[in-house]
Amino acid sequence: MLLLQDFYDGFFKQSSAADRGTICQLKNLFNFRQVRSDISKCFSHAWELMATIVEGFVCLLLMEQLKMNSPSDLPQTAPDGIETANNLDKQEYFDNITATKFGRHLTFLN
């Protein structure tokens, strides 16, 4: 909880609510109204917001690396039939491509 509180202390500013891509703007966009700067009273919601933001930015980074213009685009390296594959196969492909592109950057999350 202390690490998350430190993160919120450094990056969560109510004054940035109008600035696109900030934690406060994303909090309002995703309707996490119960999240406040003191996360001791809203830890679960603050954690869920942070997880949502991290997942979103990882997806954006992957789209940029794979030269995709929209989430519906297929990367050139996608295996045939991935769009009709089951969710487990899709998740495995996503995990593999994420590890390949960002493995050395994301090792601290394990």
PDB file of N, CA and C in Angstrom:
ATOM      1  N   MET A   1       0.817  -1.183   0.000  1.00  0.00           N
ATOM      2  CA  MET A   1       0.000   0.000   0.000  1.00  0.00           C
ATOM      3  C   MET A   1       0.870   1.259   0.000  1.00  0.00           C
ATOM      4  N   LEU A   2       2.017   1.193   0.655  1.00  0.00           N
ATOM      5  CA  LEU A   2       2.889   2.367   0.710  1.00  0.00           C
ATOM      6  C   LEU A   2       3.422   2.753  -0.666  1.00  0.00           C
ATOM      7  N   LEU A   3       3.780   1.753  -1.464  1.00  0.00           N
ATOM      8  CA  LEU A   3       4.284   2.032  -2.806  1.00  0.00           C
ATOM      9  C   LEU A   3       3.212   2.694  -3.667  1.00  0.00           C
ATOM     10  N   LEU A   4       1.993   2.168  -3.584  1.00  0.00           N
ATOM     11  CA  LEU A   4       0.896   2.769  -4.359  1.00  0.00           C
ATOM     12  C   LEU A   4       0.598   4.186  -3.864  1.00  0.00           C
ATOM     13  N   GLN A   5       0.654   4.392  -2.551  1.00  0.00           N
ATOM     14  CA  GLN A   5       0.436   5.729  -2.012  1.00  0.00           C
ATOM     15  C   GLN A   5       1.519   6.696  -2.492  1.00  0.00           C
ATOM     16  N   ASP A   6       2.767   6.230  -2.511  1.00  0.00           N
ATOM     17  CA  ASP A   6       3.853   7.069  -3.020  1.00  0.00           C
ATOM     18  C   ASP A   6       3.617   7.445  -4.479  1.00  0.00           C
ATOM     19  N   PHE A   7       3.148   6.475  -5.255  1.00  0.00           N
ATOM     20  CA  PHE A   7       2.856   6.745  -6.659  1.00  0.00           C
ATOM     21  C   PHE A   7       1.764   7.793  -6.788  1.00  0.00           C
ATOM     22  N   TYR A   8       0.685   7.633  -6.031  1.00  0.00           N
ATOM     23  CA  TYR A   8      -0.407   8.606  -6.085  1.00  0.00           C
ATOM     24  C   TYR A   8       0.054   9.976  -5.597  1.00  0.00           C
ATOM     25  N   ASP A   9       0.899  10.003  -4.570  1.00  0.00           N
ATOM     26  CA  ASP A   9       1.419  11.285  -4.081  1.00  0.00           C
ATOM     27  C   ASP A   9       2.185  12.024  -5.178  1.00  0.00           C
ATOM     28  N   GLY A  10       2.916  11.287  -5.974  1.00  0.00           N
ATOM     29  CA  GLY A  10       3.728  11.911  -7.017  1.00  0.00           C
ATOM     30  C   GLY A  10       2.989  12.257  -8.293  1.00  0.00           C
ATOM     31  N   PHE A  11       1.969  11.466  -8.631  1.00  0.00           N
ATOM     32  CA  PHE A  11       1.356  11.619  -9.956  1.00  0.00           C
ATOM     33  C   PHE A  11      -0.130  11.943  -9.976  1.00  0.00           C
ATOM     34  N   PHE A  12      -0.809  11.867  -8.848  1.00  0.00           N
ATOM     35  CA  PHE A  12      -2.253  12.122  -8.827  1.00  0.00           C
ATOM     36  C   PHE A  12      -2.491  13.546  -8.367  1.00  0.00           C
ATOM     37  N   LYS A  13      -2.843  14.407  -9.299  1.00  0.00           N
ATOM     38  CA  LYS A  13      -3.090  15.820  -8.996  1.00  0.00           C
ATOM     39  C   LYS A  13      -4.485  16.198  -9.490  1.00  0.00           C
ATOM     40  N   GLN A  14      -5.317  16.686  -8.576  1.00  0.00           N
ATOM     41  CA  GLN A  14      -6.669  17.110  -8.958  1.00  0.00           C
ATOM     42  C   GLN A  14      -6.637  18.214 -10.002  1.00  0.00           C
ATOM     43  N   SER A  15      -5.599  19.029  -9.972  1.00  0.00           N
ATOM     44  CA  SER A  15      -5.503  20.149 -10.916  1.00  0.00           C
ATOM     45  C   SER A  15      -5.282  19.689 -12.358  1.00  0.00           C
ATOM     46  N   SER A  16      -4.942  18.414 -12.546  1.00  0.00           N
ATOM     47  CA  SER A  16      -4.686  17.914 -13.901  1.00  0.00           C
ATOM     48  C   SER A  16      -5.904  17.218 -14.511  1.00  0.00           C
ATOM     49  N   ALA A  17      -7.067  17.404 -13.933  1.00  0.00           N
ATOM     50  CA  ALA A  17      -8.277  16.714 -14.400  1.00  0.00           C
ATOM     51  C   ALA A  17      -8.598  17.010 -15.864  1.00  0.00           C
ATOM     52  N   ALA A  18      -8.227  18.172 -16.353  1.00  0.00           N
ATOM     53  CA  ALA A  18      -8.519  18.534 -17.742  1.00  0.00           C
ATOM     54  C   ALA A  18      -7.407  18.132 -18.705  1.00  0.00           C
ATOM     55  N   ASP A  19      -6.277  17.681 -18.182  1.00  0.00           N
ATOM     56  CA  ASP A  19      -5.135  17.310 -19.029  1.00  0.00           C
ATOM     57  C   ASP A  19      -5.258  15.856 -19.467  1.00  0.00           C
ATOM     58  N   ARG A  20      -5.326  15.654 -20.762  1.00  0.00           N
ATOM     59  CA  ARG A  20      -5.549  14.330 -21.334  1.00  0.00           C
ATOM     60  C   ARG A  20      -4.425  13.353 -20.977  1.00  0.00           C
ATOM     61  N   GLY A  21      -4.815  12.157 -20.497  1.00  0.00           N
ATOM     62  CA  GLY A  21      -3.863  11.102 -20.201  1.00  0.00           C
ATOM     63  C   GLY A  21      -3.332  11.098 -18.778  1.00  0.00           C
ATOM     64  N   THR A  22      -3.708  12.083 -17.968  1.00  0.00           N
ATOM     65  CA  THR A  22      -3.255  12.094 -16.580  1.00  0.00           C
ATOM     66  C   THR A  22      -4.102  11.131 -15.754  1.00  0.00           C
ATOM     67  N   ILE A  23      -3.592  10.751 -14.599  1.00  0.00           N
ATOM     68  CA  ILE A  23      -4.335   9.819 -13.748  1.00  0.00           C
ATOM     69  C   ILE A  23      -5.692  10.405 -13.364  1.00  0.00           C
ATOM     70  N   CYS A  24      -5.715  11.669 -13.034  1.00  0.00           N
ATOM     71  CA  CYS A  24      -6.978  12.295 -12.632  1.00  0.00           C
ATOM     72  C   CYS A  24      -7.979  12.321 -13.796  1.00  0.00           C
ATOM     73  N   GLN A  25      -7.528  12.622 -14.984  1.00  0.00           N
ATOM     74  CA  GLN A  25      -8.431  12.635 -16.149  1.00  0.00           C
ATOM     75  C   GLN A  25      -8.932  11.223 -16.445  1.00  0.00           C
ATOM     76  N   LEU A  26      -8.057  10.218 -16.361  1.00  0.00           N
ATOM     77  CA  LEU A  26      -8.462   8.834 -16.606  1.00  0.00           C
ATOM     78  C   LEU A  26      -9.396   8.326 -15.512  1.00  0.00           C
ATOM     79  N   LYS A  27      -9.173   8.765 -14.291  1.00  0.00           N
ATOM     80  CA  LYS A  27     -10.064   8.420 -13.176  1.00  0.00           C
ATOM     81  C   LYS A  27     -11.489   8.860 -13.492  1.00  0.00           C
ATOM     82  N   ASN A  28     -11.628  10.080 -13.973  1.00  0.00           N
ATOM     83  CA  ASN A  28     -12.957  10.590 -14.316  1.00  0.00           C
ATOM     84  C   ASN A  28     -13.519   9.911 -15.561  1.00  0.00           C
ATOM     85  N   LEU A  29     -12.676   9.673 -16.545  1.00  0.00           N
ATOM     86  CA  LEU A  29     -13.119   9.031 -17.780  1.00  0.00           C
ATOM     87  C   LEU A  29     -13.671   7.631 -17.530  1.00  0.00           C
ATOM     88  N   PHE A  30     -12.982   6.863 -16.669  1.00  0.00           N
ATOM     89  CA  PHE A  30     -13.397   5.488 -16.376  1.00  0.00           C
ATOM     90  C   PHE A  30     -14.322   5.400 -15.166  1.00  0.00           C
ATOM     91  N   ASN A  31     -14.783   6.546 -14.669  1.00  0.00           N
ATOM     92  CA  ASN A  31     -15.761   6.632 -13.595  1.00  0.00           C
ATOM     93  C   ASN A  31     -15.280   5.989 -12.290  1.00  0.00           C
ATOM     94  N   PHE A  32     -14.030   6.230 -11.938  1.00  0.00           N
ATOM     95  CA  PHE A  32     -13.497   5.798 -10.653  1.00  0.00           C
ATOM     96  C   PHE A  32     -13.631   6.961  -9.668  1.00  0.00           C
ATOM     97  N   ARG A  33     -14.843   7.435  -9.464  1.00  0.00           N
ATOM     98  CA  ARG A  33     -15.097   8.633  -8.652  1.00  0.00           C
ATOM     99  C   ARG A  33     -14.690   8.456  -7.191  1.00  0.00           C
ATOM    100  N   GLN A  34     -14.680   7.219  -6.685  1.00  0.00           N
ATOM    101  CA  GLN A  34     -14.369   6.986  -5.290  1.00  0.00           C
ATOM    102  C   GLN A  34     -12.873   7.065  -4.981  1.00  0.00           C
ATOM    103  N   VAL A  35     -12.007   7.135  -5.990  1.00  0.00           N
ATOM    104  CA  VAL A  35     -10.563   7.217  -5.777  1.00  0.00           C
ATOM    105  C   VAL A  35     -10.201   8.643  -5.365  1.00  0.00           C
ATOM    106  N   ARG A  36      -9.448   8.731  -4.283  1.00  0.00           N
ATOM    107  CA  ARG A  36      -8.974  10.008  -3.757  1.00  0.00           C
ATOM    108  C   ARG A  36      -7.456   9.948  -3.623  1.00  0.00           C
ATOM    109  N   SER A  37      -6.848  11.069  -3.317  1.00  0.00           N
ATOM    110  CA  SER A  37      -5.388  11.099  -3.195  1.00  0.00           C
ATOM    111  C   SER A  37      -4.896  10.302  -1.994  1.00  0.00           C
ATOM    112  N   ASP A  38      -5.705  10.189  -0.927  1.00  0.00           N
ATOM    113  CA  ASP A  38      -5.362   9.333   0.214  1.00  0.00           C
ATOM    114  C   ASP A  38      -5.979   7.965  -0.034  1.00  0.00           C
ATOM    115  N   ILE A  39      -5.170   7.029  -0.508  1.00  0.00           N
ATOM    116  CA  ILE A  39      -5.719   5.743  -0.943  1.00  0.00           C
ATOM    117  C   ILE A  39      -6.022   4.789   0.204  1.00  0.00           C
ATOM    118  N   SER A  40      -5.704   5.154   1.452  1.00  0.00           N
ATOM    119  CA  SER A  40      -5.993   4.257   2.571  1.00  0.00           C
ATOM    120  C   SER A  40      -7.491   4.008   2.724  1.00  0.00           C
ATOM    121  N   LYS A  41      -8.302   4.931   2.255  1.00  0.00           N
ATOM    122  CA  LYS A  41      -9.749   4.782   2.356  1.00  0.00           C
ATOM    123  C   LYS A  41     -10.369   4.179   1.090  1.00  0.00           C
ATOM    124  N   CYS A  42      -9.564   4.001   0.041  1.00  0.00           N
ATOM    125  CA  CYS A  42     -10.104   3.498  -1.235  1.00  0.00           C
ATOM    126  C   CYS A  42      -9.072   2.620  -1.945  1.00  0.00           C
ATOM    127  N   PHE A  43      -8.338   1.819  -1.187  1.00  0.00           N
ATOM    128  CA  PHE A  43      -7.219   1.072  -1.761  1.00  0.00           C
ATOM    129  C   PHE A  43      -7.637   0.185  -2.936  1.00  0.00           C
ATOM    130  N   SER A  44      -8.703  -0.585  -2.768  1.00  0.00           N
ATOM    131  CA  SER A  44      -9.133  -1.502  -3.841  1.00  0.00           C
ATOM    132  C   SER A  44      -9.447  -0.754  -5.130  1.00  0.00           C
ATOM    133  N   HIS A  45     -10.134   0.357  -5.004  1.00  0.00           N
ATOM    134  CA  HIS A  45     -10.478   1.153  -6.185  1.00  0.00           C
ATOM    135  C   HIS A  45      -9.231   1.799  -6.798  1.00  0.00           C
ATOM    136  N   ALA A  46      -8.333   2.275  -5.943  1.00  0.00           N
ATOM    137  CA  ALA A  46      -7.095   2.887  -6.441  1.00  0.00           C
ATOM    138  C   ALA A  46      -6.237   1.852  -7.159  1.00  0.00           C
ATOM    139  N   TRP A  47      -6.175   0.642  -6.619  1.00  0.00           N
ATOM    140  CA  TRP A  47      -5.401  -0.431  -7.248  1.00  0.00           C
ATOM    141  C   TRP A  47      -6.020  -0.806  -8.590  1.00  0.00           C
ATOM    142  N   GLU A  48      -7.336  -0.932  -8.630  1.00  0.00           N
ATOM    143  CA  GLU A  48      -8.024  -1.284  -9.873  1.00  0.00           C
ATOM    144  C   GLU A  48      -7.828  -0.207 -10.937  1.00  0.00           C
ATOM    145  N   LEU A  49      -7.878   1.048 -10.547  1.00  0.00           N
ATOM    146  CA  LEU A  49      -7.620   2.136 -11.495  1.00  0.00           C
ATOM    147  C   LEU A  49      -6.198   2.036 -12.038  1.00  0.00           C
ATOM    148  N   MET A  50      -5.230   1.805 -11.161  1.00  0.00           N
ATOM    149  CA  MET A  50      -3.838   1.718 -11.610  1.00  0.00           C
ATOM    150  C   MET A  50      -3.646   0.534 -12.556  1.00  0.00           C
ATOM    151  N   ALA A  51      -4.254  -0.611 -12.238  1.00  0.00           N
ATOM    152  CA  ALA A  51      -4.147  -1.779 -13.114  1.00  0.00           C
ATOM    153  C   ALA A  51      -4.765  -1.487 -14.482  1.00  0.00           C
ATOM    154  N   THR A  52      -5.902  -0.809 -14.507  1.00  0.00           N
ATOM    155  CA  THR A  52      -6.562  -0.448 -15.766  1.00  0.00           C
ATOM    156  C   THR A  52      -5.682   0.481 -16.593  1.00  0.00           C
ATOM    157  N   ILE A  53      -5.073   1.468 -15.937  1.00  0.00           N
ATOM    158  CA  ILE A  53      -4.213   2.419 -16.635  1.00  0.00           C
ATOM    159  C   ILE A  53      -2.978   1.722 -17.199  1.00  0.00           C
ATOM    160  N   VAL A  54      -2.346   0.857 -16.413  1.00  0.00           N
ATOM    161  CA  VAL A  54      -1.147   0.150 -16.875  1.00  0.00           C
ATOM    162  C   VAL A  54      -1.479  -0.746 -18.062  1.00  0.00           C
ATOM    163  N   GLU A  55      -2.572  -1.502 -17.972  1.00  0.00           N
ATOM    164  CA  GLU A  55      -2.972  -2.367 -19.087  1.00  0.00           C
ATOM    165  C   GLU A  55      -3.231  -1.549 -20.349  1.00  0.00           C
ATOM    166  N   GLY A  56      -3.876  -0.420 -20.200  1.00  0.00           N
ATOM    167  CA  GLY A  56      -4.150   0.446 -21.354  1.00  0.00           C
ATOM    168  C   GLY A  56      -2.883   0.966 -21.999  1.00  0.00           C
ATOM    169  N   PHE A  57      -1.935   1.420 -21.177  1.00  0.00           N
ATOM    170  CA  PHE A  57      -0.692   1.940 -21.733  1.00  0.00           C
ATOM    171  C   PHE A  57       0.162   0.836 -22.359  1.00  0.00           C
ATOM    172  N   VAL A  58       0.117  -0.379 -21.803  1.00  0.00           N
ATOM    173  CA  VAL A  58       0.827  -1.499 -22.431  1.00  0.00           C
ATOM    174  C   VAL A  58       0.225  -1.784 -23.801  1.00  0.00           C
ATOM    175  N   CYS A  59      -1.105  -1.770 -23.886  1.00  0.00           N
ATOM    176  CA  CYS A  59      -1.759  -1.975 -25.192  1.00  0.00           C
ATOM    177  C   CYS A  59      -1.388  -0.878 -26.183  1.00  0.00           C
ATOM    178  N   LEU A  60      -1.362   0.369 -25.731  1.00  0.00           N
ATOM    179  CA  LEU A  60      -0.970   1.466 -26.622  1.00  0.00           C
ATOM    180  C   LEU A  60       0.478   1.317 -27.091  1.00  0.00           C
ATOM    181  N   LEU A  61       1.368   0.937 -26.191  1.00  0.00           N
ATOM    182  CA  LEU A  61       2.764   0.724 -26.569  1.00  0.00           C
ATOM    183  C   LEU A  61       2.890  -0.402 -27.588  1.00  0.00           C
ATOM    184  N   LEU A  62       2.160  -1.484 -27.368  1.00  0.00           N
ATOM    185  CA  LEU A  62       2.188  -2.595 -28.324  1.00  0.00           C
ATOM    186  C   LEU A  62       1.650  -2.167 -29.682  1.00  0.00           C
ATOM    187  N   MET A  63       0.557  -1.428 -29.681  1.00  0.00           N
ATOM    188  CA  MET A  63       0.005  -0.959 -30.956  1.00  0.00           C
ATOM    189  C   MET A  63       1.020  -0.105 -31.701  1.00  0.00           C
ATOM    190  N   GLU A  64       1.730   0.744 -30.978  1.00  0.00           N
ATOM    191  CA  GLU A  64       2.744   1.583 -31.617  1.00  0.00           C
ATOM    192  C   GLU A  64       3.889   0.736 -32.152  1.00  0.00           C
ATOM    193  N   GLN A  65       4.371  -0.211 -31.356  1.00  0.00           N
ATOM    194  CA  GLN A  65       5.481  -1.070 -31.771  1.00  0.00           C
ATOM    195  C   GLN A  65       5.105  -1.951 -32.968  1.00  0.00           C
ATOM    196  N   LEU A  66       3.846  -2.393 -33.000  1.00  0.00           N
ATOM    197  CA  LEU A  66       3.389  -3.286 -34.068  1.00  0.00           C
ATOM    198  C   LEU A  66       2.771  -2.529 -35.240  1.00  0.00           C
ATOM    199  N   LYS A  67       2.875  -1.183 -35.194  1.00  0.00           N
ATOM    200  CA  LYS A  67       2.384  -0.317 -36.272  1.00  0.00           C
ATOM    201  C   LYS A  67       0.900  -0.549 -36.578  1.00  0.00           C
ATOM    202  N   MET A  68       0.108  -0.576 -35.509  1.00  0.00           N
ATOM    203  CA  MET A  68      -1.338  -0.727 -35.632  1.00  0.00           C
ATOM    204  C   MET A  68      -1.989   0.631 -35.432  1.00  0.00           C
ATOM    205  N   ASN A  69      -2.946   0.985 -36.287  1.00  0.00           N
ATOM    206  CA  ASN A  69      -3.628   2.267 -36.187  1.00  0.00           C
ATOM    207  C   ASN A  69      -4.855   2.225 -35.288  1.00  0.00           C
ATOM    208  N   SER A  70      -5.448   1.053 -35.131  1.00  0.00           N
ATOM    209  CA  SER A  70      -6.616   0.910 -34.270  1.00  0.00           C
ATOM    210  C   SER A  70      -6.592  -0.470 -33.621  1.00  0.00           C
ATOM    211  N   PRO A  71      -7.323  -0.649 -32.531  1.00  0.00           N
ATOM    212  CA  PRO A  71      -7.339  -1.963 -31.874  1.00  0.00           C
ATOM    213  C   PRO A  71      -7.890  -3.080 -32.751  1.00  0.00           C
ATOM    214  N   SER A  72      -8.643  -2.748 -33.776  1.00  0.00           N
ATOM    215  CA  SER A  72      -9.188  -3.786 -34.656  1.00  0.00           C
ATOM    216  C   SER A  72      -8.196  -4.228 -35.731  1.00  0.00           C
ATOM    217  N   ASP A  73      -7.087  -3.494 -35.901  1.00  0.00           N
ATOM    218  CA  ASP A  73      -6.059  -3.899 -36.861  1.00  0.00           C
ATOM    219  C   ASP A  73      -5.339  -5.151 -36.366  1.00  0.00           C
ATOM    220  N   LEU A  74      -4.865  -5.940 -37.321  1.00  0.00           N
ATOM    221  CA  LEU A  74      -4.046  -7.107 -36.977  1.00  0.00           C
ATOM    222  C   LEU A  74      -2.579  -6.773 -37.189  1.00  0.00           C
ATOM    223  N   PRO A  75      -1.735  -7.168 -36.248  1.00  0.00           N
ATOM    224  CA  PRO A  75      -0.296  -6.978 -36.488  1.00  0.00           C
ATOM    225  C   PRO A  75       0.159  -7.873 -37.630  1.00  0.00           C
ATOM    226  N   GLN A  76       1.196  -7.447 -38.322  1.00  0.00           N
ATOM    227  CA  GLN A  76       1.695  -8.237 -39.440  1.00  0.00           C
ATOM    228  C   GLN A  76       2.209  -9.595 -38.989  1.00  0.00           C
ATOM    229  N   THR A  77       2.609  -9.711 -37.725  1.00  0.00           N
ATOM    230  CA  THR A  77       3.152 -10.972 -37.215  1.00  0.00           C
ATOM    231  C   THR A  77       2.088 -11.899 -36.645  1.00  0.00           C
ATOM    232  N   ALA A  78       0.823 -11.507 -36.729  1.00  0.00           N
ATOM    233  CA  ALA A  78      -0.247 -12.327 -36.153  1.00  0.00           C
ATOM    234  C   ALA A  78      -0.382 -13.643 -36.912  1.00  0.00           C
ATOM    235  N   PRO A  79      -0.551 -14.739 -36.182  1.00  0.00           N
ATOM    236  CA  PRO A  79      -0.741 -16.029 -36.862  1.00  0.00           C
ATOM    237  C   PRO A  79      -2.089 -16.075 -37.577  1.00  0.00           C
ATOM    238  N   ASP A  80      -2.170 -16.891 -38.610  1.00  0.00           N
ATOM    239  CA  ASP A  80      -3.428 -17.039 -39.342  1.00  0.00           C
ATOM    240  C   ASP A  80      -4.520 -17.553 -38.404  1.00  0.00           C
ATOM    241  N   GLY A  81      -5.687 -16.966 -38.515  1.00  0.00           N
ATOM    242  CA  GLY A  81      -6.837 -17.419 -37.745  1.00  0.00           C
ATOM    243  C   GLY A  81      -6.884 -16.925 -36.313  1.00  0.00           C
ATOM    244  N   ILE A  82      -6.019 -15.992 -35.939  1.00  0.00           N
ATOM    245  CA  ILE A  82      -6.015 -15.525 -34.552  1.00  0.00           C
ATOM    246  C   ILE A  82      -7.318 -14.830 -34.184  1.00  0.00           C
ATOM    247  N   GLU A  83      -7.962 -14.180 -35.163  1.00  0.00           N
ATOM    248  CA  GLU A  83      -9.193 -13.469 -34.842  1.00  0.00           C
ATOM    249  C   GLU A  83     -10.343 -14.410 -34.511  1.00  0.00           C
ATOM    250  N   THR A  84     -10.284 -15.666 -34.948  1.00  0.00           N
ATOM    251  CA  THR A  84     -11.336 -16.638 -34.627  1.00  0.00           C
ATOM    252  C   THR A  84     -10.879 -17.653 -33.583  1.00  0.00           C
ATOM    253  N   ALA A  85      -9.673 -17.491 -33.063  1.00  0.00           N
ATOM    254  CA  ALA A  85      -9.151 -18.423 -32.058  1.00  0.00           C
ATOM    255  C   ALA A  85      -9.891 -18.239 -30.738  1.00  0.00           C
ATOM    256  N   ASN A  86      -9.763 -19.230 -29.862  1.00  0.00           N
ATOM    257  CA  ASN A  86     -10.406 -19.107 -28.554  1.00  0.00           C
ATOM    258  C   ASN A  86      -9.636 -18.104 -27.690  1.00  0.00           C
ATOM    259  N   ASN A  87     -10.242 -17.681 -26.621  1.00  0.00           N
ATOM    260  CA  ASN A  87      -9.649 -16.634 -25.779  1.00  0.00           C
ATOM    261  C   ASN A  87      -8.316 -17.052 -25.177  1.00  0.00           C
ATOM    262  N   LEU A  88      -8.149 -18.317 -24.863  1.00  0.00           N
ATOM    263  CA  LEU A  88      -6.893 -18.788 -24.296  1.00  0.00           C
ATOM    264  C   LEU A  88      -5.751 -18.635 -25.299  1.00  0.00           C
ATOM    265  N   ASP A  89      -5.995 -18.975 -26.561  1.00  0.00           N
ATOM    266  CA  ASP A  89      -4.977 -18.810 -27.600  1.00  0.00           C
ATOM    267  C   ASP A  89      -4.670 -17.331 -27.845  1.00  0.00           C
ATOM    268  N   LYS A  90      -5.696 -16.495 -27.821  1.00  0.00           N
ATOM    269  CA  LYS A  90      -5.487 -15.058 -27.993  1.00  0.00           C
ATOM    270  C   LYS A  90      -4.650 -14.496 -26.844  1.00  0.00           C
ATOM    271  N   GLN A  91      -4.959 -14.931 -25.613  1.00  0.00           N
ATOM    272  CA  GLN A  91      -4.207 -14.460 -24.455  1.00  0.00           C
ATOM    273  C   GLN A  91      -2.754 -14.922 -24.525  1.00  0.00           C
ATOM    274  N   GLU A  92      -2.543 -16.152 -24.961  1.00  0.00           N
ATOM    275  CA  GLU A  92      -1.180 -16.667 -25.101  1.00  0.00           C
ATOM    276  C   GLU A  92      -0.395 -15.863 -26.143  1.00  0.00           C
ATOM    277  N   TYR A  93      -1.023 -15.546 -27.259  1.00  0.00           N
ATOM    278  CA  TYR A  93      -0.368 -14.727 -28.284  1.00  0.00           C
ATOM    279  C   TYR A  93      -0.040 -13.341 -27.727  1.00  0.00           C
ATOM    280  N   PHE A  94      -1.002 -12.739 -27.026  1.00  0.00           N
ATOM    281  CA  PHE A  94      -0.777 -11.416 -26.435  1.00  0.00           C
ATOM    282  C   PHE A  94       0.370 -11.459 -25.419  1.00  0.00           C
ATOM    283  N   ASP A  95       0.375 -12.476 -24.562  1.00  0.00           N
ATOM    284  CA  ASP A  95       1.440 -12.598 -23.559  1.00  0.00           C
ATOM    285  C   ASP A  95       2.800 -12.779 -24.218  1.00  0.00           C
ATOM    286  N   ASN A  96       2.855 -13.593 -25.257  1.00  0.00           N
ATOM    287  CA  ASN A  96       4.128 -13.827 -25.960  1.00  0.00           C
ATOM    288  C   ASN A  96       4.637 -12.566 -26.642  1.00  0.00           C
ATOM    289  N   ILE A  97       3.754 -11.852 -27.319  1.00  0.00           N
ATOM    290  CA  ILE A  97       4.178 -10.647 -28.028  1.00  0.00           C
ATOM    291  C   ILE A  97       4.572  -9.561 -27.026  1.00  0.00           C
ATOM    292  N   THR A  98       3.878  -9.501 -25.897  1.00  0.00           N
ATOM    293  CA  THR A  98       4.230  -8.534 -24.852  1.00  0.00           C
ATOM    294  C   THR A  98       5.603  -8.856 -24.275  1.00  0.00           C
ATOM    295  N   ALA A  99       5.845 -10.123 -23.978  1.00  0.00           N
ATOM    296  CA  ALA A  99       7.145 -10.527 -23.422  1.00  0.00           C
ATOM    297  C   ALA A  99       8.264 -10.266 -24.417  1.00  0.00           C
ATOM    298  N   THR A 100       8.001 -10.489 -25.703  1.00  0.00           N
ATOM    299  CA  THR A 100       9.010 -10.260 -26.727  1.00  0.00           C
ATOM    300  C   THR A 100       9.353  -8.783 -26.848  1.00  0.00           C
ATOM    301  N   LYS A 101       8.346  -7.938 -26.863  1.00  0.00           N
ATOM    302  CA  LYS A 101       8.566  -6.507 -27.076  1.00  0.00           C
ATOM    303  C   LYS A 101       9.009  -5.767 -25.819  1.00  0.00           C
ATOM    304  N   PHE A 102       8.473  -6.175 -24.656  1.00  0.00           N
ATOM    305  CA  PHE A 102       8.702  -5.382 -23.448  1.00  0.00           C
ATOM    306  C   PHE A 102       9.198  -6.192 -22.268  1.00  0.00           C
ATOM    307  N   GLY A 103       9.610  -7.403 -22.485  1.00  0.00           N
ATOM    308  CA  GLY A 103      10.014  -8.284 -21.391  1.00  0.00           C
ATOM    309  C   GLY A 103      11.045  -7.670 -20.468  1.00  0.00           C
ATOM    310  N   ARG A 104      12.058  -7.053 -21.034  1.00  0.00           N
ATOM    311  CA  ARG A 104      13.111  -6.502 -20.178  1.00  0.00           C
ATOM    312  C   ARG A 104      12.633  -5.289 -19.392  1.00  0.00           C
ATOM    313  N   HIS A 105      11.586  -4.617 -19.876  1.00  0.00           N
ATOM    314  CA  HIS A 105      11.054  -3.437 -19.179  1.00  0.00           C
ATOM    315  C   HIS A 105      10.043  -3.807 -18.107  1.00  0.00           C
ATOM    316  N   LEU A 106       9.375  -4.947 -18.276  1.00  0.00           N
ATOM    317  CA  LEU A 106       8.296  -5.315 -17.368  1.00  0.00           C
ATOM    318  C   LEU A 106       8.691  -6.370 -16.348  1.00  0.00           C
ATOM    319  N   THR A 107       9.941  -6.754 -16.289  1.00  0.00           N
ATOM    320  CA  THR A 107      10.348  -7.818 -15.367  1.00  0.00           C
ATOM    321  C   THR A 107      10.129  -7.426 -13.908  1.00  0.00           C
ATOM    322  N   PHE A 108      10.155  -6.151 -13.605  1.00  0.00           N
ATOM    323  CA  PHE A 108       9.956  -5.717 -12.223  1.00  0.00           C
ATOM    324  C   PHE A 108       8.540  -5.969 -11.734  1.00  0.00           C
ATOM    325  N   LEU A 109       7.596  -6.254 -12.620  1.00  0.00           N
ATOM    326  CA  LEU A 109       6.201  -6.485 -12.211  1.00  0.00           C
ATOM    327  C   LEU A 109       5.969  -7.897 -11.711  1.00  0.00           C
ATOM    328  N   ASN A 110       6.879  -8.811 -11.989  1.00  0.00           N
ATOM    329  CA  ASN A 110       6.675 -10.204 -11.583  1.00  0.00           C
ATOM    330  C   ASN A 110       6.940 -10.437 -10.131  1.00  0.00           C
TER     331      ASN A 110
END
